[in-house]
Protein backbone atom coordinates (compact mmCIF):
# COMPACT_ATOMS: atom_id res chain seq x y z
CA MET A 1 -47.09 35.54 258.60
CA ALA A 2 -48.79 32.48 257.12
CA ARG A 3 -46.66 29.39 256.92
CA LYS A 4 -45.52 28.63 253.39
CA LYS A 5 -46.99 25.40 252.08
CA ASN A 6 -44.49 22.67 251.23
CA LYS A 7 -44.16 21.87 247.55
CA TYR A 8 -45.25 18.47 246.31
CA PRO A 9 -42.31 16.13 245.74
CA LEU A 10 -40.64 15.17 242.49
CA ILE A 11 -40.36 11.37 242.38
CA GLU A 12 -37.38 10.16 240.38
CA GLY A 13 -37.12 6.77 238.69
CA LEU A 14 -40.66 5.56 239.40
CA GLU A 15 -41.37 2.21 237.76
CA ILE A 16 -44.88 1.88 236.34
CA THR A 17 -46.14 -1.57 237.24
CA ASP A 18 -49.84 -1.79 236.44
CA VAL A 19 -52.81 -0.07 234.81
CA ALA A 20 -55.37 1.85 236.84
CA ALA A 21 -58.78 3.44 236.37
CA GLU A 22 -59.62 6.09 233.79
CA GLY A 23 -56.76 5.22 231.48
CA LYS A 24 -54.03 5.95 234.02
CA SER A 25 -51.25 3.63 235.16
CA LEU A 26 -49.60 3.31 238.56
CA GLY A 27 -46.36 2.69 240.38
CA LYS A 28 -45.36 2.28 244.03
CA TYR A 29 -43.40 4.93 245.97
CA GLY A 30 -42.69 3.00 249.13
CA ASP A 31 -46.11 1.89 250.29
CA ILE A 32 -47.91 4.70 248.48
CA VAL A 33 -49.58 4.19 245.11
CA VAL A 34 -48.81 6.88 242.53
CA PHE A 35 -51.22 7.36 239.61
CA VAL A 36 -49.66 8.71 236.43
CA PRO A 37 -51.39 9.37 233.06
CA MET A 38 -49.69 8.85 229.68
CA THR A 39 -47.70 5.87 230.99
CA ILE A 40 -47.90 2.09 230.61
CA PRO A 41 -46.45 -0.78 232.68
CA GLY A 42 -42.71 -1.02 232.12
CA ASP A 43 -42.09 2.72 231.83
CA ILE A 44 -39.59 4.27 234.25
CA VAL A 45 -40.32 7.96 234.78
CA ASN A 46 -39.73 11.05 236.86
CA VAL A 47 -43.06 12.27 238.22
CA GLN A 48 -44.08 15.66 239.55
CA VAL A 49 -46.72 15.04 242.21
CA THR A 50 -49.77 17.31 241.98
CA ASN A 51 -52.07 15.69 244.53
CA LYS A 52 -51.00 13.96 247.75
CA ARG A 53 -53.12 11.88 250.11
CA LYS A 54 -52.31 9.34 252.83
CA SER A 55 -52.70 6.26 250.62
CA PHE A 56 -52.03 7.61 247.13
CA MET A 57 -50.56 10.40 245.06
CA GLU A 58 -51.20 11.72 241.56
CA GLY A 59 -48.78 13.39 239.20
CA TYR A 60 -47.50 13.87 235.67
CA VAL A 61 -44.38 12.77 233.85
CA THR A 62 -41.55 15.29 233.68
CA GLU A 63 -39.12 12.88 232.04
CA TYR A 64 -39.14 9.37 230.63
CA ILE A 65 -36.02 7.60 231.92
CA GLU A 66 -36.80 4.35 230.13
CA PHE A 67 -39.67 3.37 227.86
CA SER A 68 -41.60 0.14 228.32
CA PRO A 69 -40.80 -2.51 225.72
CA ASP A 70 -44.58 -2.71 225.19
CA ARG A 71 -44.95 0.97 224.32
CA CYS A 72 -46.06 1.93 220.81
CA GLU A 73 -46.46 5.24 218.99
CA PRO A 74 -49.96 6.76 219.30
CA LEU A 75 -51.75 7.10 215.98
CA CYS A 76 -53.59 10.35 216.70
CA SER A 77 -51.95 13.79 216.74
CA HIS A 78 -54.37 14.80 219.52
CA TYR A 79 -53.31 11.97 221.82
CA GLY A 80 -52.97 13.11 225.41
CA ILE A 81 -54.89 16.34 224.82
CA CYS A 82 -58.51 15.58 223.92
CA GLY A 83 -58.86 12.97 226.67
CA GLY A 84 -60.04 10.10 224.46
CA CYS A 85 -58.26 6.92 223.36
CA LYS A 86 -55.84 7.03 226.31
CA TRP A 87 -54.40 3.58 225.61
CA GLN A 88 -53.14 4.37 222.12
CA ASN A 89 -49.60 4.07 223.49
CA MET A 90 -50.20 0.37 224.21
CA PRO A 91 -50.44 -2.48 221.65
CA TYR A 92 -53.99 -3.70 221.21
CA TYR A 93 -53.25 -7.23 222.42
CA LYS A 94 -51.95 -5.76 225.70
CA GLN A 95 -55.07 -3.62 226.04
CA LEU A 96 -57.16 -6.78 225.78
CA GLU A 97 -55.05 -8.52 228.44
CA TYR A 98 -55.60 -5.68 230.91
CA LYS A 99 -59.32 -5.49 230.16
CA GLN A 100 -59.67 -9.22 230.77
CA GLN A 101 -57.82 -8.82 234.06
CA GLN A 102 -60.03 -5.87 234.99
CA VAL A 103 -63.14 -8.03 234.63
CA TYR A 104 -61.66 -10.77 236.80
CA ASP A 105 -60.49 -8.30 239.47
CA GLN A 106 -63.84 -6.51 239.72
CA LEU A 107 -65.91 -9.68 239.94
CA THR A 108 -63.67 -11.27 242.56
CA ARG A 109 -62.63 -8.24 244.64
CA ILE A 110 -65.90 -6.32 244.65
CA GLY A 111 -68.37 -9.13 244.11
CA LYS A 112 -66.44 -11.81 246.03
CA LEU A 113 -67.84 -14.17 243.41
CA GLU A 114 -66.76 -17.68 242.62
CA LEU A 115 -66.06 -17.75 238.90
CA PRO A 116 -65.70 -20.38 236.21
CA GLU A 117 -62.82 -19.92 233.79
CA ILE A 118 -63.40 -16.61 232.04
CA ASN A 119 -63.73 -16.82 228.27
CA ASP A 120 -61.08 -14.94 226.29
CA ILE A 121 -62.15 -11.39 225.61
CA LEU A 122 -63.66 -10.75 222.18
CA GLY A 123 -61.54 -8.02 220.62
CA SER A 124 -62.79 -5.59 218.02
CA GLU A 125 -61.77 -6.31 214.44
CA LYS A 126 -61.72 -2.56 213.89
CA THR A 127 -59.47 -0.56 216.20
CA GLU A 128 -59.91 2.61 214.12
CA CYS A 129 -63.09 4.18 212.75
CA TYR A 130 -65.26 1.86 214.85
CA ARG A 131 -67.71 4.40 216.28
CA ASN A 132 -71.03 5.17 214.61
CA LYS A 133 -71.68 8.36 216.58
CA LEU A 134 -69.59 11.39 217.58
CA GLU A 135 -70.61 14.70 219.13
CA PHE A 136 -68.50 17.79 218.49
CA THR A 137 -68.67 21.08 220.40
CA PHE A 138 -68.19 24.62 219.08
CA SER A 139 -66.29 26.99 221.37
CA CYS A 140 -64.90 30.50 221.16
CA LYS A 141 -62.23 29.51 223.71
CA ARG A 142 -59.96 27.07 221.98
CA TRP A 143 -57.52 25.05 224.06
CA MET A 144 -54.05 26.56 223.70
CA THR A 145 -51.08 24.38 222.82
CA LYS A 146 -47.93 24.40 224.96
CA GLU A 147 -46.16 26.21 222.15
CA GLU A 148 -48.75 29.01 222.18
CA ILE A 149 -48.57 29.32 225.94
CA ALA A 150 -44.76 29.46 225.77
CA THR A 151 -44.88 32.49 223.43
CA ASP A 152 -47.15 35.43 224.16
CA GLY A 153 -50.25 33.43 224.99
CA LYS A 154 -52.27 35.13 222.29
CA ILE A 155 -54.54 33.10 220.05
CA ASN A 156 -54.94 34.30 216.48
CA ASP A 157 -57.98 32.08 215.99
CA PRO A 158 -59.82 31.43 219.28
CA ASN A 159 -62.56 29.25 217.74
CA ALA A 160 -62.65 25.46 217.90
CA LEU A 161 -64.84 22.60 216.77
CA GLY A 162 -63.88 19.43 218.57
CA PHE A 163 -63.86 17.69 221.94
CA HIS A 164 -63.83 18.86 225.55
CA ILE A 165 -60.56 18.94 227.45
CA PRO A 166 -60.98 16.53 230.41
CA GLY A 167 -62.25 18.36 233.48
CA MET A 168 -62.77 21.67 231.64
CA PHE A 169 -66.33 22.36 230.55
CA ASP A 170 -65.44 25.51 228.60
CA LYS A 171 -62.24 24.45 226.80
CA ILE A 172 -62.37 22.63 223.48
CA VAL A 173 -59.47 21.18 221.51
CA ASN A 174 -59.84 21.87 217.81
CA ILE A 175 -59.77 18.49 216.06
CA GLU A 176 -57.86 18.20 212.81
CA HIS A 177 -58.46 14.48 212.25
CA CYS A 178 -60.28 12.00 214.46
CA TRP A 179 -59.66 8.28 213.95
CA LEU A 180 -62.80 7.16 215.76
CA GLN A 181 -65.37 7.51 212.97
CA ALA A 182 -65.16 6.72 209.27
CA GLU A 183 -65.59 9.34 206.57
CA PRO A 184 -67.40 11.50 205.78
CA SER A 185 -67.19 12.44 209.48
CA ASN A 186 -63.92 14.38 209.33
CA LYS A 187 -64.79 16.00 206.00
CA ILE A 188 -68.16 17.22 207.31
CA ARG A 189 -66.67 18.63 210.51
CA ILE A 190 -63.86 20.47 208.71
CA ALA A 191 -66.22 21.86 206.04
CA VAL A 192 -68.69 23.14 208.64
CA HIS A 193 -65.88 24.69 210.69
CA ASN A 194 -64.45 26.50 207.66
CA PHE A 195 -67.88 27.72 206.53
CA CYS A 196 -68.67 29.14 209.95
CA LEU A 197 -65.30 30.91 210.25
CA THR A 198 -65.51 32.33 206.74
CA ASN A 199 -69.04 33.64 207.28
CA GLY A 200 -68.54 35.01 210.78
CA TYR A 201 -70.76 32.61 212.69
CA GLY A 202 -70.13 33.17 216.40
CA TYR A 203 -69.06 30.14 218.44
CA TYR A 204 -70.52 29.40 221.86
CA ASP A 205 -69.05 30.70 225.12
CA ALA A 206 -69.91 28.16 227.82
CA ARG A 207 -69.11 30.60 230.64
CA GLN A 208 -71.15 33.50 229.31
CA HIS A 209 -73.84 31.23 227.83
CA ALA A 210 -73.75 33.17 224.59
CA GLY A 211 -72.99 32.38 220.97
CA TYR A 212 -74.67 30.91 217.90
CA MET A 213 -72.91 27.63 217.04
CA ARG A 214 -73.16 25.04 219.85
CA ASN A 215 -72.87 21.38 218.83
CA MET A 216 -72.89 18.96 215.92
CA VAL A 217 -73.70 15.24 216.05
CA ILE A 218 -72.69 12.87 213.25
CA ARG A 219 -74.18 9.37 213.13
CA THR A 220 -73.31 6.70 210.58
CA SER A 221 -74.49 3.14 210.03
CA THR A 222 -73.34 -0.07 208.37
CA THR A 223 -76.11 0.51 205.81
CA GLY A 224 -74.22 3.57 204.52
CA GLU A 225 -76.65 6.15 205.88
CA VAL A 226 -75.47 9.36 207.55
CA MET A 227 -77.28 11.63 210.01
CA VAL A 228 -76.08 15.12 210.94
CA ILE A 229 -77.68 17.22 213.70
CA VAL A 230 -76.59 20.85 214.18
CA ALA A 231 -77.40 22.64 217.45
CA PHE A 232 -77.76 26.44 217.31
CA GLY A 233 -77.76 28.71 220.35
CA TYR A 234 -80.73 30.76 219.13
CA ASP A 235 -83.10 31.02 216.18
CA ASP A 236 -81.74 32.84 213.12
CA ASN A 237 -83.53 31.52 210.06
CA ASP A 238 -81.24 33.11 207.47
CA ARG A 239 -78.04 31.77 209.02
CA GLN A 240 -79.52 28.37 209.76
CA THR A 241 -80.70 28.00 206.20
CA ALA A 242 -77.39 29.16 204.73
CA LEU A 243 -75.34 26.63 206.75
CA LEU A 244 -77.76 23.72 206.37
CA GLU A 245 -78.11 24.32 202.65
CA TYR A 246 -74.31 24.35 202.35
CA ILE A 247 -74.07 21.02 204.22
CA LYS A 248 -76.85 19.50 202.12
CA ASN A 249 -75.25 20.50 198.82
CA SER A 250 -71.68 19.68 199.83
CA PHE A 251 -72.48 16.21 201.18
CA PRO A 252 -75.27 14.51 199.20
CA GLU A 253 -74.45 11.27 201.06
CA ILE A 254 -76.14 12.73 204.16
CA THR A 255 -79.52 11.00 204.33
CA SER A 256 -80.82 12.81 207.43
CA LEU A 257 -79.99 16.49 208.05
CA MET A 258 -81.54 17.94 211.19
CA TYR A 259 -81.16 20.90 213.52
CA VAL A 260 -82.20 22.04 216.97
CA ILE A 261 -82.38 25.39 218.77
CA ASN A 262 -80.84 25.06 222.22
CA GLU A 263 -81.23 28.15 224.41
CA LYS A 264 -80.54 26.24 227.65
CA LYS A 265 -77.35 26.41 229.70
CA ASN A 266 -76.49 22.76 229.05
CA ASP A 267 -75.78 20.91 225.81
CA THR A 268 -78.32 18.10 226.17
CA ILE A 269 -80.89 18.02 223.37
CA GLY A 270 -82.94 15.00 224.45
CA ASP A 271 -85.67 17.29 225.83
CA LEU A 272 -85.75 19.59 222.79
CA ASP A 273 -87.61 19.55 219.49
CA ILE A 274 -85.22 18.35 216.79
CA ARG A 275 -86.33 19.59 213.39
CA LEU A 276 -85.84 17.90 210.02
CA TYR A 277 -84.21 20.04 207.31
CA SER A 278 -83.75 17.47 204.55
CA GLY A 279 -83.92 13.73 203.99
CA LYS A 280 -85.47 11.37 206.57
CA ASP A 281 -85.76 11.86 210.33
CA HIS A 282 -83.94 8.57 210.95
CA ILE A 283 -81.31 6.15 209.70
CA PHE A 284 -81.32 2.36 209.80
CA GLU A 285 -78.91 -0.16 211.23
CA GLU A 286 -79.03 -3.85 210.29
CA MET A 287 -78.19 -7.00 212.20
CA GLU A 288 -78.89 -10.56 211.01
CA GLY A 289 -81.57 -9.33 208.62
CA LEU A 290 -83.25 -7.22 211.32
CA ARG A 291 -83.58 -3.49 210.73
CA PHE A 292 -83.33 -1.00 213.58
CA LYS A 293 -84.67 2.52 213.13
CA ILE A 294 -82.43 5.11 214.76
CA GLY A 295 -83.81 8.60 215.34
CA PRO A 296 -81.91 11.68 216.56
CA LYS A 297 -82.54 10.77 220.21
CA SER A 298 -82.25 6.99 219.89
CA PHE A 299 -79.65 4.98 221.78
CA TYR A 300 -77.74 2.40 219.80
CA GLN A 301 -74.43 0.76 220.69
CA THR A 302 -71.72 2.99 219.23
CA ASN A 303 -69.66 0.08 217.85
CA SER A 304 -72.08 -1.59 215.44
CA GLU A 305 -69.98 -4.65 214.58
CA GLN A 306 -69.15 -5.42 218.20
CA ALA A 307 -72.77 -4.84 219.21
CA HIS A 308 -73.67 -7.85 217.08
CA ARG A 309 -71.08 -9.97 218.91
CA LEU A 310 -72.26 -8.67 222.29
CA TYR A 311 -75.88 -9.52 221.55
CA SER A 312 -74.91 -12.90 220.10
CA VAL A 313 -73.17 -13.76 223.37
CA THR A 314 -76.27 -12.66 225.28
CA ARG A 315 -78.48 -14.89 223.14
CA ASP A 316 -76.08 -17.84 223.41
CA PHE A 317 -75.92 -17.51 227.21
CA ALA A 318 -79.74 -17.53 227.36
CA SER A 319 -79.80 -20.90 225.48
CA LEU A 320 -83.32 -20.27 224.23
CA GLN A 321 -85.46 -23.30 223.41
CA GLY A 322 -88.40 -21.52 221.79
CA ASP A 323 -91.07 -21.24 224.47
CA GLU A 324 -89.51 -19.12 227.24
CA ILE A 325 -90.87 -15.90 228.71
CA VAL A 326 -87.96 -13.46 228.73
CA TYR A 327 -87.84 -10.13 230.56
CA ASP A 328 -85.44 -7.70 228.90
CA LEU A 329 -84.85 -5.07 231.56
CA TYR A 330 -83.34 -1.70 230.60
CA THR A 331 -84.28 -2.63 227.06
CA GLY A 332 -83.45 0.78 225.55
CA THR A 333 -84.72 0.77 221.96
CA GLY A 334 -85.44 -2.95 222.21
CA THR A 335 -82.39 -4.11 220.27
CA ILE A 336 -81.74 -7.20 222.40
CA ALA A 337 -85.47 -7.93 222.74
CA ASN A 338 -86.00 -7.91 218.98
CA PHE A 339 -82.73 -9.78 218.42
CA ILE A 340 -83.83 -12.74 220.55
CA ALA A 341 -87.61 -12.65 219.96
CA ARG A 342 -87.68 -15.23 217.18
CA ARG A 343 -86.09 -17.85 219.43
CA CYS A 344 -88.40 -17.63 222.45
CA GLY A 345 -92.07 -17.53 223.36
CA LYS A 346 -92.44 -13.91 224.50
CA VAL A 347 -90.23 -10.95 225.41
CA ILE A 348 -91.26 -8.25 227.88
CA GLY A 349 -89.10 -5.13 227.53
CA VAL A 350 -88.94 -2.47 230.25
CA GLU A 351 -87.19 0.91 229.93
CA TYR A 352 -87.51 4.22 231.78
CA VAL A 353 -87.13 6.48 228.69
CA PRO A 354 -90.52 6.77 226.89
CA GLU A 355 -88.94 7.82 223.57
CA ALA A 356 -86.79 4.68 223.60
CA ILE A 357 -89.86 2.52 224.10
CA GLU A 358 -91.50 4.17 221.07
CA ASP A 359 -88.36 3.28 219.08
CA ALA A 360 -88.60 -0.30 220.36
CA LYS A 361 -92.22 -0.56 219.25
CA ASN A 362 -91.35 0.83 215.83
CA ASN A 363 -88.56 -1.70 215.48
CA PHE A 364 -90.70 -4.75 216.19
CA GLN A 365 -93.31 -3.48 213.72
CA ILE A 366 -90.65 -2.90 211.05
CA ASN A 367 -89.37 -6.45 211.52
CA GLY A 368 -92.77 -8.12 211.76
CA ILE A 369 -92.16 -9.36 215.30
CA VAL A 370 -95.37 -10.14 217.18
CA ASN A 371 -94.20 -11.66 220.48
CA THR A 372 -92.74 -8.57 222.19
CA GLU A 373 -94.33 -6.07 224.57
CA PHE A 374 -92.68 -2.89 225.84
CA PHE A 375 -93.33 -0.77 228.92
CA ALA A 376 -91.92 2.62 229.94
CA GLY A 377 -91.27 3.71 233.52
CA ASP A 378 -88.93 3.43 236.49
CA MET A 379 -87.76 -0.15 236.77
CA LYS A 380 -88.35 -0.50 240.50
CA ASP A 381 -91.90 0.84 240.10
CA ILE A 382 -92.90 -1.25 237.07
CA LEU A 383 -91.28 -4.55 237.96
CA THR A 384 -93.67 -5.47 240.76
CA GLU A 385 -95.24 -8.74 241.83
CA GLU A 386 -98.50 -7.61 240.24
CA PHE A 387 -96.74 -6.90 236.91
CA ILE A 388 -95.21 -10.37 236.94
CA ASN A 389 -98.56 -11.98 237.73
CA ILE A 390 -100.13 -10.22 234.74
CA HIS A 391 -97.38 -10.82 232.18
CA GLY A 392 -96.09 -14.17 233.33
CA LYS A 393 -93.23 -15.40 235.47
CA PRO A 394 -89.95 -14.95 233.58
CA ASP A 395 -87.93 -18.01 232.71
CA ILE A 396 -84.97 -15.79 231.84
CA ILE A 397 -84.17 -12.20 232.78
CA ILE A 398 -81.74 -10.16 230.69
CA LEU A 399 -80.23 -7.07 232.28
CA ASP A 400 -78.46 -4.31 230.35
CA PRO A 401 -78.48 -1.34 232.73
CA PRO A 402 -76.59 1.97 232.53
CA ARG A 403 -73.18 2.33 234.20
CA ALA A 404 -74.75 2.82 237.63
CA GLY A 405 -76.11 -0.73 237.57
CA ILE A 406 -79.45 -1.82 239.00
CA HIS A 407 -81.36 -0.56 242.03
CA GLN A 408 -81.31 -2.89 245.03
CA ASP A 409 -85.12 -3.05 244.94
CA VAL A 410 -84.89 -4.36 241.37
CA ALA A 411 -82.39 -6.98 242.49
CA GLU A 412 -84.78 -8.12 245.22
CA THR A 413 -87.68 -8.27 242.75
CA ILE A 414 -85.57 -10.41 240.42
CA LEU A 415 -84.74 -12.75 243.29
CA ASN A 416 -88.44 -13.03 244.15
CA ALA A 417 -89.32 -13.66 240.49
CA ALA A 418 -86.84 -16.56 240.58
CA PRO A 419 -86.05 -17.02 236.87
CA GLU A 420 -83.96 -20.03 235.94
CA LYS A 421 -81.29 -17.81 234.36
CA ILE A 422 -80.11 -14.22 234.52
CA VAL A 423 -77.97 -12.82 231.71
CA TYR A 424 -76.34 -9.59 232.86
CA VAL A 425 -74.79 -7.33 230.22
CA SER A 426 -72.72 -4.49 231.66
CA CYS A 427 -70.56 -1.59 230.53
CA ASN A 428 -69.19 -1.30 234.08
CA PRO A 429 -67.84 -4.53 235.62
CA ALA A 430 -67.58 -2.82 239.02
CA THR A 431 -71.32 -2.20 239.39
CA GLN A 432 -72.01 -5.53 237.71
CA ALA A 433 -69.94 -7.20 240.43
CA ARG A 434 -71.80 -5.33 243.16
CA ASP A 435 -75.20 -6.35 241.75
CA ALA A 436 -74.14 -9.94 241.07
CA ALA A 437 -73.09 -10.24 244.73
CA ILE A 438 -76.72 -9.56 245.72
CA LEU A 439 -78.07 -12.02 243.17
CA ALA A 440 -75.52 -14.60 244.31
CA ARG A 441 -77.80 -15.32 247.25
CA ASP A 442 -79.74 -17.65 244.94
CA TYR A 443 -77.58 -17.79 241.80
CA LYS A 444 -74.11 -18.85 240.77
CA VAL A 445 -72.00 -17.41 237.95
CA ALA A 446 -71.87 -20.04 235.20
CA LYS A 447 -70.22 -18.12 232.34
CA VAL A 448 -68.26 -14.89 231.87
CA GLN A 449 -67.54 -13.25 228.50
CA PRO A 450 -65.77 -9.88 228.20
CA VAL A 451 -66.30 -7.96 224.94
CA ASP A 452 -64.22 -4.98 223.85
CA MET A 453 -66.43 -2.28 222.38
CA PHE A 454 -63.97 0.61 222.71
CA PRO A 455 -60.39 -0.03 221.55
CA HIS A 456 -57.70 2.29 222.94
CA THR A 457 -59.78 3.02 226.04
CA HIS A 458 -59.97 1.33 229.44
CA HIS A 459 -63.70 0.63 229.00
CA VAL A 460 -64.90 -2.95 228.64
CA GLU A 461 -68.29 -4.64 228.34
CA ASN A 462 -68.92 -7.89 230.14
CA VAL A 463 -71.65 -10.54 230.01
CA ILE A 464 -72.25 -13.02 232.81
CA LEU A 465 -74.67 -15.91 232.98
CA MET A 466 -76.12 -16.62 236.42
CA GLU A 467 -78.02 -19.87 237.03
CA ARG A 468 -80.22 -20.82 239.96
CA LYS A 469 -78.35 -22.79 242.58
């Protein structure tokens, strides 16, 4: 007979002492760290362990013995289910304190960097409705509530339009009201959901790879424009037209209504043909009199107001005098490049996504900027000694890479290029710290400025200025 596996322990009276990664918090059980979601420092809880390793355990709260004095009531009715906004149970000023500490810890522990005094984090004036883009998923397998599971487990309405449950690719929580994006976002989502249910539009089954309604993207801008993109699982002209015409007539404020047919097994639409149904195929964002054209595949920072503060910090750290050659690496749609172009001699933007480079070129033409050049390709292949000889040695290099950071070959090329300053913008202080440790061979960290782009989450942006030693 097989030996029965021991059950994981129930830890009673665990004091939560600090925040951890991915929106979790932690406490100590002897010498072992215990990670617990839905808690904040100061909570005392009973925890059922679900995962046990030599150096750590993971579990969930079975009972709150004592609440932290810092705890607050989450705003959203979907808190703890949809997986977003995990720090809603913590006052915003405390969130900022922990994000500031996170930046310091990553730069010193991972990067082993000597730091100046870190500037106070720039918090977001908006802590609700701050996002300009949300993507919703249709599913015929709605996430069941605890109350439903406790009864007979049957779902009267199995369809959902909302967000993925963390770690479950085929389960979607049906969203009643999301506080992340301003109206008409909620109104559009609810209207589309009701129309599809009333008219028998089948929702997608991610396991069977079948179903008609797949995704919907809503983008808004500070200019008041609204873009909606609907993804269908297959081509059905009559149904497409009926839904899109309903959206168009119900929401005249939509300035760009588009759709895409996605017959693939994944939800990405960046490699598909997105078709215009009505309005324009783009919206505009504005910043300091500059206009940025945003298409259905364009990247733009999802917190528009904080993006301006982030880019202002980047420009201030560069201390441009008017004649510098600046390399803007991982330029995306050229937002930073165009933002700084009027204060320097020339900007060279490099990005691996060709569509983004086309957006960047459109943006400098729209704004009448003549001192920028953009190049598409893999950074480590483009940024060569020959490229630098042709386009000029950079006085300043600006880095704004994806979460994975920069390739070590790119770091070595930057060191060989020997700019006077490097301004590194990062959405992941851990990889920023790793990369800065390589650059620290020839550079010192002169300034550090955290910026909060995503209230109620553990994510934080950070900008560092590195100067030649």
